[in-house]
Protein backbone atom coordinates (compact mmCIF):
# COMPACT_ATOMS: atom_id res chain seq x y z
CA UNK A 1 0.00 -0.09 0.01
CA UNK A 2 2.86 2.48 0.93
CA UNK A 3 4.48 1.67 -2.41
CA UNK A 4 1.32 2.68 -4.20
CA UNK A 5 1.10 5.99 -2.44
CA UNK A 6 4.77 6.64 -3.16
CA UNK A 7 4.18 5.94 -6.81
CA UNK A 8 1.13 8.30 -6.80
CA UNK A 9 3.15 11.01 -5.07
CA UNK A 10 6.00 10.68 -7.54
CA UNK A 11 3.67 10.79 -10.56
CA UNK A 12 1.25 13.42 -9.03
CA UNK A 13 2.78 16.19 -11.18
CA UNK A 14 1.40 14.51 -14.24
CA UNK A 15 -1.78 13.08 -12.88
CA UNK A 16 -3.21 15.97 -10.95
CA UNK A 17 -0.76 18.93 -10.71
CA UNK A 18 0.66 19.04 -14.24
CA UNK A 19 1.91 22.56 -14.95
CA UNK A 20 4.21 22.07 -18.03
CA UNK A 21 2.43 21.47 -21.27
CA UNK A 22 3.59 20.57 -24.79
CA UNK A 23 1.46 22.09 -27.58
CA UNK A 24 -0.39 18.90 -28.17
CA UNK A 25 -1.17 18.49 -24.43
CA UNK A 26 -2.35 22.01 -24.26
CA UNK A 27 -4.70 21.37 -27.26
CA UNK A 28 -5.88 18.16 -25.62
CA UNK A 29 -6.63 19.89 -22.34
CA UNK A 30 -8.59 22.64 -24.12
CA UNK A 31 -10.64 20.29 -26.29
CA UNK A 32 -11.45 18.24 -23.15
CA UNK A 33 -12.37 21.11 -20.75
CA UNK A 34 -13.50 24.11 -22.73
CA UNK A 35 -17.15 24.90 -22.17
CA UNK A 36 -17.72 26.24 -25.61
CA UNK A 37 -17.23 22.74 -26.94
CA UNK A 38 -19.51 21.32 -24.28
CA UNK A 39 -22.17 23.77 -25.38
CA UNK A 40 -21.63 22.67 -29.02
CA UNK A 41 -22.22 19.10 -28.00
CA UNK A 42 -25.40 20.08 -26.16
CA UNK A 43 -26.57 21.83 -29.32
CA UNK A 44 -26.17 18.58 -31.26
CA UNK A 45 -28.12 16.69 -28.53
CA UNK A 46 -30.85 19.33 -28.69
CA UNK A 47 -31.11 19.05 -32.50
CA UNK A 48 -31.44 15.23 -32.10
CA UNK A 49 -34.22 15.71 -29.59
CA UNK A 50 -35.87 18.21 -32.05
CA UNK A 51 -35.76 15.47 -34.80
CA UNK A 52 -37.48 13.16 -32.35
CA UNK A 53 -40.16 15.75 -31.78
CA UNK A 54 -40.90 16.24 -35.53
CA UNK A 55 -40.85 12.48 -36.11
CA UNK A 56 -43.45 11.97 -33.24
CA UNK A 57 -45.89 14.26 -35.05
CA UNK A 58 -46.45 11.61 -37.66
CA UNK A 59 -46.88 8.79 -35.12
CA UNK A 60 -50.14 7.85 -33.22
CA UNK A 61 -51.23 10.43 -30.64
CA UNK A 62 -53.31 9.16 -27.76
CA UNK A 63 -55.15 11.53 -25.39
CA UNK A 64 -57.63 10.99 -22.61
CA UNK A 65 -59.97 13.66 -21.21
CA UNK A 66 -62.49 13.67 -18.42
CA UNK A 67 -65.08 16.21 -17.29
CA UNK A 68 -67.56 16.72 -14.38
CA UNK A 69 -70.50 19.10 -14.17
CA UNK A 70 -72.70 20.16 -11.37
CA UNK A 71 -75.69 22.15 -12.57
CA UNK A 72 -76.71 24.54 -9.70
CA UNK A 73 -79.64 25.52 -11.86
CA UNK A 74 -80.78 23.04 -14.46
CA UNK A 75 -81.57 24.60 -17.86
CA UNK A 76 -85.15 25.41 -18.60
CA UNK A 77 -86.67 24.05 -21.71
CA UNK A 78 -89.87 25.62 -23.37
CA UNK A 79 -92.21 23.64 -25.68
CA UNK A 80 -95.71 24.37 -27.01
CA UNK A 81 -98.48 23.30 -24.69
CA UNK A 82 -100.10 21.36 -27.48
CA UNK A 83 -97.36 18.85 -27.14
CA UNK A 84 -99.03 17.63 -23.94
CA UNK A 85 -102.66 18.89 -24.61
CA UNK A 86 -103.91 19.07 -28.22
CA UNK A 87 -106.74 21.37 -26.98
CA UNK A 88 -104.35 24.05 -25.70
CA UNK A 89 -104.15 27.38 -27.32
CA UNK A 90 -101.58 28.19 -29.94
CA UNK A 91 -99.75 30.74 -27.68
CA UNK A 92 -99.62 28.50 -24.63
CA UNK A 93 -96.25 27.31 -23.54
CA UNK A 94 -95.06 24.77 -21.05
CA UNK A 95 -91.63 25.14 -19.31
CA UNK A 96 -89.78 22.47 -17.51
CA UNK A 97 -86.20 21.65 -16.35
CA UNK A 98 -84.45 18.98 -18.25
CA UNK A 99 -81.35 16.95 -17.30
CA UNK A 100 -79.74 15.80 -14.04
CA UNK A 101 -77.94 17.67 -11.31
CA UNK A 102 -74.61 15.86 -12.09
CA UNK A 103 -72.92 14.50 -15.22
CA UNK A 104 -69.56 13.13 -16.00
CA UNK A 105 -67.60 12.23 -19.06
CA UNK A 106 -64.47 10.29 -19.91
CA UNK A 107 -63.10 10.17 -23.53
CA UNK A 108 -60.17 8.21 -25.10
CA UNK A 109 -59.08 9.50 -28.40
CA UNK A 110 -56.38 8.12 -30.81
CA UNK A 111 -55.36 10.25 -33.81
CA UNK A 112 -53.04 9.53 -36.74
CA UNK A 113 -51.60 11.78 -39.35
CA UNK A 114 -52.07 10.10 -42.72
CA UNK A 115 -50.72 12.68 -45.18
CA UNK A 116 -49.06 16.00 -44.69
CA UNK A 117 -46.23 16.94 -46.96
CA UNK A 118 -44.87 19.51 -44.54
CA UNK A 119 -44.35 16.69 -42.05
CA UNK A 120 -41.85 14.84 -44.28
CA UNK A 121 -40.02 18.00 -45.02
CA UNK A 122 -39.79 18.85 -41.38
CA UNK A 123 -38.27 15.44 -40.55
CA UNK A 124 -35.66 15.90 -43.34
CA UNK A 125 -34.94 19.45 -42.13
CA UNK A 126 -34.36 18.17 -38.69
CA UNK A 127 -31.82 15.78 -39.95
CA UNK A 128 -30.02 18.46 -41.77
CA UNK A 129 -30.09 20.69 -38.61
CA UNK A 130 -28.22 17.88 -36.82
CA UNK A 131 -25.54 18.04 -39.58
CA UNK A 132 -25.41 21.79 -39.37
CA UNK A 133 -24.79 21.67 -35.59
CA UNK A 134 -22.07 19.16 -36.14
CA UNK A 135 -20.40 21.49 -38.55
CA UNK A 136 -20.74 24.39 -36.09
CA UNK A 137 -19.11 22.13 -33.40
CA UNK A 138 -16.22 21.51 -35.70
CA UNK A 139 -15.90 25.25 -36.31
CA UNK A 140 -15.94 25.87 -32.53
CA UNK A 141 -13.22 23.13 -32.19
CA UNK A 142 -11.16 24.88 -34.79
CA UNK A 143 -11.54 28.20 -33.03
CA UNK A 144 -10.51 26.78 -29.71
CA UNK A 145 -7.44 24.96 -31.16
CA UNK A 146 -6.55 28.03 -33.24
CA UNK A 147 -6.61 30.27 -30.10
CA UNK A 148 -4.52 27.71 -28.11
CA UNK A 149 -1.84 27.45 -30.82
CA UNK A 150 -1.66 31.14 -31.32
CA UNK A 151 -1.34 31.77 -27.59
CA UNK A 152 1.16 28.87 -27.11
CA UNK A 153 3.31 30.29 -29.89
CA UNK A 154 3.23 33.75 -28.29
CA UNK A 155 4.23 32.22 -24.96
CA UNK A 156 7.03 30.18 -26.51
CA UNK A 157 8.41 33.38 -28.27
CA UNK A 158 7.98 35.38 -25.10
CA UNK A 159 9.92 32.68 -23.13
CA UNK A 160 12.67 32.68 -25.64
CA UNK A 161 12.83 36.48 -25.54
CA UNK A 162 12.92 36.40 -21.67
CA UNK A 163 15.85 33.90 -21.82
CA UNK A 164 17.79 36.19 -24.18
CA UNK A 165 17.07 39.25 -22.05
CA UNK A 166 18.18 37.52 -18.89
CA UNK A 167 21.35 36.38 -20.59
CA UNK A 168 22.07 40.03 -21.62
CA UNK A 169 21.66 41.14 -18.08
CA UNK A 170 24.22 38.56 -16.94
CA UNK A 171 26.71 39.52 -19.60
CA UNK A 172 26.25 43.21 -18.84
CA UNK A 173 26.73 42.62 -15.07
CA UNK A 174 29.96 40.89 -15.73
CA UNK A 175 31.08 43.75 -17.89
CA UNK A 176 30.19 46.30 -15.07
CA UNK A 177 32.36 44.33 -12.61
CA UNK A 178 35.29 44.40 -14.95
CA UNK A 179 34.89 48.02 -15.60
CA UNK A 180 34.82 48.73 -11.95
CA UNK A 181 38.11 47.00 -11.53
CA UNK A 182 39.61 48.95 -14.44
CA UNK A 183 38.29 52.24 -12.87
CA UNK A 184 39.89 51.33 -9.51
CA UNK A 185 43.21 50.97 -11.20
CA UNK A 186 42.71 54.29 -13.04
CA UNK A 187 42.51 52.81 -16.48
CA UNK A 188 39.14 54.23 -17.46
CA UNK A 189 37.15 57.29 -16.56
CA UNK A 190 33.93 57.65 -14.59
CA UNK A 191 32.06 58.40 -17.79
CA UNK A 192 32.98 54.91 -19.02
CA UNK A 193 31.69 53.28 -15.81
CA UNK A 194 28.45 55.23 -16.04
CA UNK A 195 28.01 54.34 -19.66
CA UNK A 196 28.21 50.56 -18.76
CA UNK A 197 25.90 51.01 -15.70
CA UNK A 198 23.48 52.66 -18.02
CA UNK A 199 23.63 49.63 -20.31
CA UNK A 200 22.94 47.44 -17.29
CA UNK A 201 19.87 49.39 -16.22
CA UNK A 202 18.62 49.25 -19.82
CA UNK A 203 19.26 45.47 -19.93
CA UNK A 204 17.26 45.02 -16.65
CA UNK A 205 14.47 47.13 -18.03
CA UNK A 206 14.34 45.03 -21.11
CA UNK A 207 14.30 41.89 -18.95
CA UNK A 208 11.46 43.27 -16.89
CA UNK A 209 9.46 44.08 -19.96
CA UNK A 210 10.12 40.59 -21.24
CA UNK A 211 8.90 39.02 -18.07
CA UNK A 212 5.59 41.09 -18.18
CA UNK A 213 5.22 40.02 -21.89
CA UNK A 214 5.68 36.38 -20.79
CA UNK A 215 3.29 36.60 -17.87
CA UNK A 216 0.60 38.21 -20.17
CA UNK A 217 1.08 35.53 -22.85
CA UNK A 218 0.80 32.70 -20.27
CA UNK A 219 -2.36 34.29 -19.01
CA UNK A 220 -3.73 34.43 -22.63
CA UNK A 221 -2.76 30.74 -23.00
CA UNK A 222 -4.65 29.85 -19.82
CA UNK A 223 -7.70 31.57 -21.13
CA UNK A 224 -7.47 29.80 -24.51
CA UNK A 225 -7.15 26.43 -22.77
CA UNK A 226 -9.91 27.16 -20.24
CA UNK A 227 -7.18 26.53 -17.66
CA UNK A 228 -7.56 27.83 -14.07
CA UNK A 229 -6.13 31.39 -14.11
CA UNK A 230 -4.86 31.03 -10.62
CA UNK A 231 -2.85 27.89 -11.32
CA UNK A 232 0.79 27.91 -12.62
CA UNK A 233 1.36 26.97 -16.25
CA UNK A 234 4.49 26.63 -18.31
CA UNK A 235 5.16 26.00 -22.02
CA UNK A 236 7.41 22.98 -22.49
CA UNK A 237 8.36 23.38 -26.16
CA UNK A 238 10.64 26.10 -27.39
CA UNK A 239 10.54 28.17 -30.55
CA UNK A 240 12.93 25.97 -32.50
CA UNK A 241 10.93 22.80 -31.73
CA UNK A 242 7.68 24.47 -32.77
CA UNK A 243 9.29 25.71 -36.00
CA UNK A 244 10.61 22.22 -36.78
CA UNK A 245 7.27 20.69 -36.19
CA UNK A 246 5.34 23.29 -38.09
CA UNK A 247 4.94 22.36 -41.82
CA UNK A 248 5.23 25.72 -43.45
CA UNK A 249 3.69 24.43 -46.70
CA UNK A 250 1.03 26.38 -48.56
CA UNK A 251 -1.04 23.49 -50.00
CA UNK A 252 -4.73 23.33 -49.36
CA UNK A 253 -8.11 23.92 -50.82
CA UNK A 254 -10.48 26.78 -49.99
CA UNK A 255 -13.32 24.54 -50.78
CA UNK A 256 -12.79 22.90 -47.36
CA UNK A 257 -13.30 26.21 -45.53
CA UNK A 258 -15.90 25.79 -42.77
CA UNK A 259 -17.62 29.01 -43.43
CA UNK A 260 -18.22 27.95 -47.06
CA UNK A 261 -19.49 24.60 -45.83
CA UNK A 262 -22.05 26.25 -43.51
CA UNK A 263 -23.31 28.51 -46.26
CA UNK A 264 -23.87 25.52 -48.53
CA UNK A 265 -25.76 23.75 -45.71
CA UNK A 266 -27.91 26.87 -45.33
CA UNK A 267 -28.65 26.63 -49.04
CA UNK A 268 -29.88 23.03 -48.63
CA UNK A 269 -32.11 24.21 -45.82
CA UNK A 270 -33.52 26.92 -48.01
CA UNK A 271 -34.40 24.38 -50.61
CA UNK A 272 -36.17 22.25 -48.07
CA UNK A 273 -38.06 25.34 -46.93
CA UNK A 274 -39.25 26.00 -50.48
CA UNK A 275 -40.53 22.33 -50.70
CA UNK A 276 -42.41 22.98 -47.42
CA UNK A 277 -44.07 26.13 -48.66
CA UNK A 278 -45.17 24.28 -51.76
CA UNK A 279 -46.77 21.61 -49.69
CA UNK A 280 -48.88 24.21 -48.13
CA UNK A 281 -50.91 24.12 -51.35
CA UNK A 282 -51.59 20.31 -50.86
CA UNK A 283 -54.42 18.69 -48.81
CA UNK A 284 -53.75 17.14 -45.48
CA UNK A 285 -55.46 14.03 -44.17
CA UNK A 286 -55.70 12.60 -40.66
CA UNK A 287 -57.80 10.03 -38.92
CA UNK A 288 -59.12 9.47 -35.47
CA UNK A 289 -60.81 6.89 -33.15
CA UNK A 290 -62.74 7.97 -30.09
CA UNK A 291 -64.24 6.06 -27.26
CA UNK A 292 -66.33 8.02 -24.72
CA UNK A 293 -68.38 7.19 -21.59
CA UNK A 294 -71.07 9.48 -20.14
CA UNK A 295 -72.91 9.36 -16.87
CA UNK A 296 -75.94 11.38 -15.57
CA UNK A 297 -76.89 11.50 -11.90
CA UNK A 298 -79.25 13.36 -9.60
CA UNK A 299 -77.04 12.35 -6.65
CA UNK A 300 -73.20 12.28 -6.56
CA UNK A 301 -72.75 8.55 -6.91
CA UNK A 302 -70.59 8.12 -10.04
CA UNK A 303 -68.70 5.27 -8.35
CA UNK A 304 -71.77 3.18 -7.72
CA UNK A 305 -73.22 0.44 -9.93
CA UNK A 306 -75.39 2.83 -11.96
CA UNK A 307 -74.69 2.71 -15.71
CA UNK A 308 -72.19 4.62 -17.83
CA UNK A 309 -73.33 5.13 -21.44
CA UNK A 310 -70.58 4.45 -24.04
CA UNK A 311 -70.16 6.16 -27.40
CA UNK A 312 -67.64 4.97 -30.01
CA UNK A 313 -66.87 6.66 -33.27
CA UNK A 314 -64.03 7.04 -35.81
CA UNK A 315 -63.53 9.33 -38.71
CA UNK A 316 -61.23 11.10 -41.20
CA UNK A 317 -60.53 14.72 -41.60
CA UNK A 318 -59.48 16.13 -44.91
CA UNK A 319 -58.30 19.70 -45.16
CA UNK A 320 -58.11 21.12 -48.63
CA UNK A 321 -56.55 24.59 -49.01
CA UNK A 322 -58.47 26.54 -51.67
CA UNK A 323 -57.94 30.26 -51.38
CA UNK A 324 -55.76 32.31 -49.08
CA UNK A 325 -55.84 35.68 -50.88
CA UNK A 326 -52.21 35.21 -52.07
CA UNK A 327 -50.70 34.53 -48.58
CA UNK A 328 -49.21 31.15 -49.36
CA UNK A 329 -47.89 32.37 -52.80
CA UNK A 330 -46.20 35.32 -51.12
CA UNK A 331 -44.62 33.10 -48.54
CA UNK A 332 -43.32 30.79 -51.28
CA UNK A 333 -41.75 33.75 -53.12
CA UNK A 334 -40.02 34.96 -50.01
CA UNK A 335 -38.33 31.53 -49.47
CA UNK A 336 -37.25 31.60 -53.17
CA UNK A 337 -35.76 35.05 -52.69
CA UNK A 338 -33.85 33.88 -49.52
CA UNK A 339 -32.45 30.95 -51.51
CA UNK A 340 -31.10 33.31 -54.20
CA UNK A 341 -29.58 35.60 -51.55
CA UNK A 342 -27.82 32.60 -49.84
CA UNK A 343 -26.60 31.32 -53.18
CA UNK A 344 -25.16 34.73 -53.94
CA UNK A 345 -23.57 34.80 -50.47
CA UNK A 346 -21.87 31.44 -51.38
CA UNK A 347 -20.28 33.09 -54.49
CA UNK A 348 -19.28 36.18 -52.60
CA UNK A 349 -17.69 34.12 -49.90
CA UNK A 350 -15.71 32.04 -52.46
CA UNK A 351 -14.37 35.23 -54.04
CA UNK A 352 -13.44 36.60 -50.65
CA UNK A 353 -11.65 33.29 -49.65
CA UNK A 354 -9.70 33.40 -52.89
CA UNK A 355 -8.45 36.89 -51.97
CA UNK A 356 -7.75 35.78 -48.39
CA UNK A 357 -5.82 32.87 -49.79
CA UNK A 358 -3.48 35.09 -51.90
CA UNK A 359 -2.94 37.43 -48.95
CA UNK A 360 -2.34 34.55 -46.50
CA UNK A 361 0.24 32.92 -48.86
CA UNK A 362 2.05 36.23 -49.41
CA UNK A 363 2.06 36.95 -45.70
CA UNK A 364 3.54 33.55 -44.94
CA UNK A 365 6.24 33.84 -47.70
CA UNK A 366 7.09 37.41 -46.44
CA UNK A 367 7.14 36.24 -42.85
CA UNK A 368 9.48 33.34 -43.56
CA UNK A 369 11.87 35.54 -45.51
CA UNK A 370 11.82 38.17 -42.71
CA UNK A 371 12.44 35.49 -40.03
CA UNK A 372 15.46 34.12 -41.94
CA UNK A 373 16.92 37.68 -42.42
CA UNK A 374 16.30 38.64 -38.78
CA UNK A 375 17.76 35.40 -37.53
CA UNK A 376 20.97 36.13 -39.48
CA UNK A 377 20.78 39.83 -38.42
CA UNK A 378 20.68 38.86 -34.72
CA UNK A 379 23.69 36.54 -35.13
CA UNK A 380 25.67 39.30 -36.69
CA UNK A 381 24.56 41.79 -34.12
CA UNK A 382 25.68 39.36 -31.31
CA UNK A 383 29.06 38.92 -32.94
CA UNK A 384 29.49 42.64 -33.31
CA UNK A 385 28.56 43.26 -29.68
CA UNK A 386 30.86 40.49 -28.42
CA UNK A 387 33.76 41.94 -30.45
CA UNK A 388 33.02 45.38 -29.04
CA UNK A 389 33.11 44.07 -25.52
CA UNK A 390 36.42 42.25 -26.03
CA UNK A 391 38.00 45.26 -27.65
CA UNK A 392 36.77 47.39 -24.65
CA UNK A 393 38.24 44.84 -22.24
CA UNK A 394 41.70 44.94 -23.84
CA UNK A 395 41.70 48.65 -24.13
CA UNK A 396 41.16 48.82 -27.96
CA UNK A 397 37.57 50.02 -27.64
CA UNK A 398 35.40 52.11 -25.38
CA UNK A 399 32.35 51.56 -23.38
CA UNK A 400 30.29 53.99 -25.55
CA UNK A 401 30.90 51.83 -28.56
CA UNK A 402 29.99 48.61 -26.69
CA UNK A 403 26.81 50.30 -25.45
CA UNK A 404 25.88 51.32 -29.05
CA UNK A 405 26.47 47.75 -30.20
CA UNK A 406 24.37 46.49 -27.27
CA UNK A 407 21.46 48.78 -28.36
CA UNK A 408 21.91 47.37 -31.91
CA UNK A 409 21.72 43.85 -30.63
CA UNK A 410 18.51 44.48 -28.66
CA UNK A 411 16.84 46.09 -31.71
CA UNK A 412 17.77 43.07 -33.68
CA UNK A 413 16.34 40.68 -31.06
CA UNK A 414 13.10 42.68 -30.94
CA UNK A 415 12.80 42.47 -34.77
CA UNK A 416 13.47 38.72 -34.64
CA UNK A 417 10.86 38.10 -32.00
CA UNK A 418 8.34 40.05 -34.19
CA UNK A 419 9.26 37.97 -37.21
CA UNK A 420 8.73 34.71 -35.23
CA UNK A 421 5.23 35.87 -34.27
CA UNK A 422 4.36 36.83 -37.81
CA UNK A 423 5.51 33.44 -39.15
CA UNK A 424 3.40 31.47 -36.55
CA UNK A 425 0.30 33.71 -37.17
CA UNK A 426 0.60 33.61 -40.95
CA UNK A 427 0.77 29.83 -40.98
CA UNK A 428 -2.21 29.52 -38.61
CA UNK A 429 -4.27 31.86 -40.64
CA UNK A 430 -3.57 29.87 -43.76
CA UNK A 431 -4.27 26.49 -42.03
CA UNK A 432 -7.59 27.98 -40.79
CA UNK A 433 -8.51 29.09 -44.29
CA UNK A 434 -7.90 25.57 -45.54
CA UNK A 435 -9.67 23.86 -42.60
CA UNK A 436 -6.41 22.21 -41.62
CA UNK A 437 -6.15 23.31 -37.98
CA UNK A 438 -7.60 20.17 -36.68
CA UNK A 439 -5.47 17.89 -38.85
C-alpha cells in the first residue's frame, strides 16, 4: 500500500498537478475542458431531440380527457302546450327543467396523421439541422485549437525572448564588474563606468518588460485552454521545436473552408423550406378513433353500480386549401428570394476566400523571409557586440561603442521576435483558411 502511495506522489505532477504542457497536451486539455465545446455538443443533442419531436408528430397520438359538471340551476326548456294537450291554445307554452344535477364524461381519443407533406419536409430538415450543428461544433473546435496554438506560440516566443534578455543582463553585469576593476586601477574614466551602468539598467528594464510579456502570454494561453487562471502553467516546447514541427507548406483547398460549408448547408435548408411552402398548397389528411363514456346522476354517486353510457366513433378529416388571398404564394416567393440571396452569398464568400488565400500565402512567404533575415541579423549583431566588449576589455575600444552595439543587438532581437510571431500567425491563418487546424 505504501508503495502505491509513493508511486502516486511521484507521478502526481502529471496526474493531478501538471503545470508544464507541450502544444499537443495544451490542445488536448482545451478540447477536453472548454465549455464552448461542451455547449456545441449540447446543441447537437438538442437538435437530435428536435428531430424526435418532429418524427413523433407523424406517429399515433393518444389523449384522454375527463369532465365533471354540477348544474346549480338546471337549464329550462320551453315547448308548445299542444305537445301535452292538443286542445291548448296556440300561444300557450309549457316550461320544464331537463337533465340531471350531475354529469360526468371520460373520453379516449387516438389520432393519426395520414398525409401532410410538410411533415416529411420537417423530418428531413431536422436531420440537416443535426448536420449543421455538427459542422458548427467542428468550427468551434477549430476556433478553440486556433486560439490555443496562437497563444502557445506567443508564450514560447516570449519565453525565448525572456531567456535572451536575462542572458544579456548577466553579460552586462559581468562587464560592469570588470569596468569597476579598471576604474579602481585608474585605467578608465567615470564616464566609461556610467555608460556601462546605463547599459545594465537598460538590460534590466528590457528583462522586466520581457517578463511582463511572458506573464501576459501565459495568461492568454490559460484563457484559450480554459485553464484555471490562478494555477501555474509553463510552455514545455521552445521556438525551434515548434518551428521544426510546423509544416510551412502552403497546399490546401479553400473549398474545405468551414464558413463555405456552413453556407452550402444553409442553401440546402432553403431548398427544403421551398418544398415545405409548396406543400402548403396540398391537402392534409388525418384519422381518429374515439371512445367516450357519459354518466348522468341526480345524486353524486358516480362510483356506484349505475350505468355509464358508451359512445364509439371514428372518422377522417381532410383539409383542402382553396384560397388564401395570395398569402401562401407570397410566402413561397419569400423563400425563393432567400435561396437566391444565400446562393449569392456562397459566391461572394468564395471570391473573398480566394483573396484571403492570396494574402495569407503572401504573408507567410514574407514572414518566412523576414524571419530568416532577422535570424541572421541577430547573429551578426551578437558577434559585433561580443567583439566590441572584447575590444573594450583589452583597451582597444570604449564603453560607448560597446553600449551602441548592445542597443543594436537589442533592436535585432526585438525584430527577430516580431518575425517569429508573424510566421506562426501567418501559418495559422492559412491553415484555418484551408480547414487544416484540426488535422
